[in-house]
Amino acid sequence: MMLKEINLFGIYVAPFAGYLFFTVVIFVPLRIWFDRIEIQRWIWHRTLFDTAIFLILLSVIGFCLML
C-alpha cells in the first residue's frame, strides 16, 4: 500500500504525523491511569517504561492503519 500525504488546508503532512496524533490520544489517558494505579512501584525506570509503551502503541497503530 502506498502512503499518501494528508492535505490540511493546503499544507501536506506526512501520514506519520497522523499516527503520532492517534498515539498521543491513546497514550495520555493510559499514562494518567498508570499514575492512578501507581505503576512506578513495579517498574524500575518510569521514563523508559513510558517511552516503550508509546513506541509499542505507535507500532500497533501504524501496522493496523497500513493494512
N, C-alpha and C. Protein backbone atom coordinates (compact mmCIF):
# COMPACT_ATOMS: atom_id res chain seq x y z
N MET A 1 0.84 -1.18 0.00
CA MET A 1 0.00 0.00 0.00
C MET A 1 0.89 1.24 0.00
N MET A 2 0.54 2.16 -0.84
CA MET A 2 1.32 3.40 -0.97
C MET A 2 0.79 4.44 0.02
N LEU A 3 1.69 5.02 0.79
CA LEU A 3 1.30 6.07 1.72
C LEU A 3 1.20 7.39 0.96
N LYS A 4 0.18 8.16 1.26
CA LYS A 4 -0.01 9.45 0.62
C LYS A 4 -0.06 10.53 1.69
N GLU A 5 0.42 11.70 1.32
CA GLU A 5 0.39 12.82 2.25
C GLU A 5 -1.05 13.27 2.48
N ILE A 6 -1.28 13.83 3.66
CA ILE A 6 -2.59 14.35 4.03
C ILE A 6 -2.59 15.85 3.77
N ASN A 7 -3.59 16.34 3.08
CA ASN A 7 -3.68 17.76 2.75
C ASN A 7 -4.53 18.45 3.82
N LEU A 8 -3.90 19.28 4.63
CA LEU A 8 -4.60 20.05 5.66
C LEU A 8 -4.55 21.52 5.29
N PHE A 9 -5.59 22.01 4.69
CA PHE A 9 -5.70 23.42 4.30
C PHE A 9 -4.53 23.87 3.43
N GLY A 10 -4.13 23.03 2.49
CA GLY A 10 -3.07 23.38 1.58
C GLY A 10 -1.67 23.02 2.04
N ILE A 11 -1.55 22.45 3.24
CA ILE A 11 -0.25 22.03 3.75
C ILE A 11 -0.23 20.51 3.77
N TYR A 12 0.76 19.95 3.11
CA TYR A 12 0.88 18.50 3.06
C TYR A 12 1.61 17.99 4.30
N VAL A 13 0.99 17.03 4.96
CA VAL A 13 1.53 16.46 6.19
C VAL A 13 1.75 14.97 5.96
N ALA A 14 2.86 14.46 6.44
CA ALA A 14 3.16 13.04 6.31
C ALA A 14 2.17 12.22 7.12
N PRO A 15 1.85 11.01 6.67
CA PRO A 15 0.92 10.16 7.42
C PRO A 15 1.43 9.82 8.82
N PHE A 16 2.74 9.84 8.98
CA PHE A 16 3.32 9.54 10.29
C PHE A 16 2.85 10.53 11.35
N ALA A 17 2.60 11.77 10.96
CA ALA A 17 2.09 12.77 11.91
C ALA A 17 0.71 12.38 12.42
N GLY A 18 -0.11 11.81 11.55
CA GLY A 18 -1.42 11.32 11.98
C GLY A 18 -1.29 10.15 12.94
N TYR A 19 -0.33 9.26 12.65
CA TYR A 19 -0.10 8.13 13.56
C TYR A 19 0.33 8.63 14.93
N LEU A 20 1.20 9.65 14.95
CA LEU A 20 1.64 10.22 16.22
C LEU A 20 0.47 10.84 16.99
N PHE A 21 -0.41 11.52 16.26
CA PHE A 21 -1.57 12.15 16.91
C PHE A 21 -2.46 11.09 17.58
N PHE A 22 -2.78 10.02 16.84
CA PHE A 22 -3.62 8.96 17.41
C PHE A 22 -2.93 8.27 18.59
N THR A 23 -1.62 8.13 18.51
CA THR A 23 -0.88 7.51 19.61
C THR A 23 -0.93 8.38 20.86
N VAL A 24 -0.78 9.68 20.70
CA VAL A 24 -0.83 10.58 21.86
C VAL A 24 -2.23 10.57 22.47
N VAL A 25 -3.26 10.53 21.63
CA VAL A 25 -4.65 10.49 22.13
C VAL A 25 -4.89 9.25 22.99
N ILE A 26 -4.28 8.14 22.64
CA ILE A 26 -4.43 6.92 23.43
C ILE A 26 -3.48 6.91 24.62
N PHE A 27 -2.27 7.44 24.43
CA PHE A 27 -1.24 7.36 25.46
C PHE A 27 -1.52 8.23 26.68
N VAL A 28 -2.05 9.42 26.48
CA VAL A 28 -2.25 10.34 27.61
C VAL A 28 -3.22 9.77 28.65
N PRO A 29 -4.41 9.27 28.27
CA PRO A 29 -5.26 8.67 29.30
C PRO A 29 -4.65 7.41 29.91
N LEU A 30 -3.90 6.66 29.10
CA LEU A 30 -3.24 5.46 29.62
C LEU A 30 -2.20 5.83 30.68
N ARG A 31 -1.46 6.90 30.44
CA ARG A 31 -0.47 7.35 31.41
C ARG A 31 -1.14 7.87 32.69
N ILE A 32 -2.26 8.56 32.55
CA ILE A 32 -3.00 9.01 33.73
C ILE A 32 -3.48 7.81 34.54
N TRP A 33 -3.94 6.78 33.85
CA TRP A 33 -4.38 5.56 34.53
C TRP A 33 -3.19 4.89 35.23
N PHE A 34 -2.02 4.87 34.57
CA PHE A 34 -0.82 4.31 35.21
C PHE A 34 -0.46 5.08 36.48
N ASP A 35 -0.61 6.40 36.46
CA ASP A 35 -0.35 7.20 37.66
C ASP A 35 -1.34 6.86 38.77
N ARG A 36 -2.58 6.63 38.39
CA ARG A 36 -3.61 6.33 39.37
C ARG A 36 -3.36 4.99 40.07
N ILE A 37 -2.89 4.00 39.31
CA ILE A 37 -2.64 2.69 39.94
C ILE A 37 -1.22 2.60 40.49
N GLU A 38 -0.48 3.70 40.42
CA GLU A 38 0.89 3.79 40.96
C GLU A 38 1.78 2.69 40.40
N ILE A 39 1.90 2.66 39.10
CA ILE A 39 2.69 1.62 38.44
C ILE A 39 4.18 1.76 38.71
N GLN A 40 4.63 2.93 39.15
CA GLN A 40 6.05 3.12 39.40
C GLN A 40 6.56 2.23 40.53
N ARG A 41 5.67 1.64 41.31
CA ARG A 41 6.11 0.71 42.35
C ARG A 41 6.66 -0.58 41.75
N TRP A 42 6.19 -0.93 40.54
CA TRP A 42 6.57 -2.20 39.93
C TRP A 42 7.60 -2.08 38.81
N ILE A 43 7.91 -0.87 38.39
CA ILE A 43 8.86 -0.70 37.29
C ILE A 43 10.09 0.04 37.79
N TRP A 44 11.19 -0.16 37.08
CA TRP A 44 12.46 0.39 37.53
C TRP A 44 12.65 1.83 37.07
N HIS A 45 12.32 2.11 35.81
CA HIS A 45 12.60 3.43 35.22
C HIS A 45 11.34 3.92 34.51
N ARG A 46 10.65 4.85 35.11
CA ARG A 46 9.34 5.27 34.60
C ARG A 46 9.44 5.89 33.20
N THR A 47 10.42 6.71 32.95
CA THR A 47 10.54 7.35 31.64
C THR A 47 10.81 6.33 30.55
N LEU A 48 11.66 5.38 30.83
CA LEU A 48 11.94 4.31 29.88
C LEU A 48 10.69 3.48 29.62
N PHE A 49 9.93 3.20 30.66
CA PHE A 49 8.68 2.46 30.53
C PHE A 49 7.68 3.23 29.67
N ASP A 50 7.53 4.53 29.92
CA ASP A 50 6.61 5.35 29.12
C ASP A 50 7.02 5.39 27.65
N THR A 51 8.31 5.51 27.40
CA THR A 51 8.80 5.52 26.03
C THR A 51 8.51 4.20 25.34
N ALA A 52 8.73 3.10 26.03
CA ALA A 52 8.47 1.78 25.45
C ALA A 52 6.98 1.60 25.15
N ILE A 53 6.12 2.00 26.06
CA ILE A 53 4.67 1.89 25.83
C ILE A 53 4.26 2.76 24.65
N PHE A 54 4.81 3.97 24.56
CA PHE A 54 4.49 4.87 23.45
C PHE A 54 4.90 4.25 22.12
N LEU A 55 6.09 3.68 22.06
CA LEU A 55 6.57 3.06 20.82
C LEU A 55 5.77 1.82 20.44
N ILE A 56 5.36 1.05 21.44
CA ILE A 56 4.51 -0.11 21.17
C ILE A 56 3.17 0.33 20.59
N LEU A 57 2.56 1.34 21.20
CA LEU A 57 1.29 1.86 20.69
C LEU A 57 1.44 2.41 19.27
N LEU A 58 2.52 3.15 19.04
CA LEU A 58 2.77 3.72 17.71
C LEU A 58 2.95 2.62 16.67
N SER A 59 3.64 1.57 17.03
CA SER A 59 3.84 0.45 16.10
C SER A 59 2.53 -0.26 15.80
N VAL A 60 1.72 -0.48 16.81
CA VAL A 60 0.43 -1.16 16.60
C VAL A 60 -0.49 -0.31 15.74
N ILE A 61 -0.56 0.98 16.02
CA ILE A 61 -1.41 1.87 15.23
C ILE A 61 -0.91 1.95 13.79
N GLY A 62 0.38 2.08 13.61
CA GLY A 62 0.95 2.13 12.26
C GLY A 62 0.69 0.86 11.50
N PHE A 63 0.84 -0.28 12.16
CA PHE A 63 0.60 -1.55 11.50
C PHE A 63 -0.87 -1.72 11.13
N CYS A 64 -1.76 -1.38 12.06
CA CYS A 64 -3.20 -1.55 11.79
C CYS A 64 -3.69 -0.62 10.70
N LEU A 65 -3.19 0.60 10.63
CA LEU A 65 -3.64 1.54 9.62
C LEU A 65 -3.02 1.27 8.25
N MET A 66 -1.92 0.52 8.22
CA MET A 66 -1.29 0.19 6.93
C MET A 66 -2.01 -0.97 6.24
N LEU A 67 -2.78 -1.76 6.99
CA LEU A 67 -3.45 -2.93 6.40
C LEU A 67 -4.55 -2.53 5.47
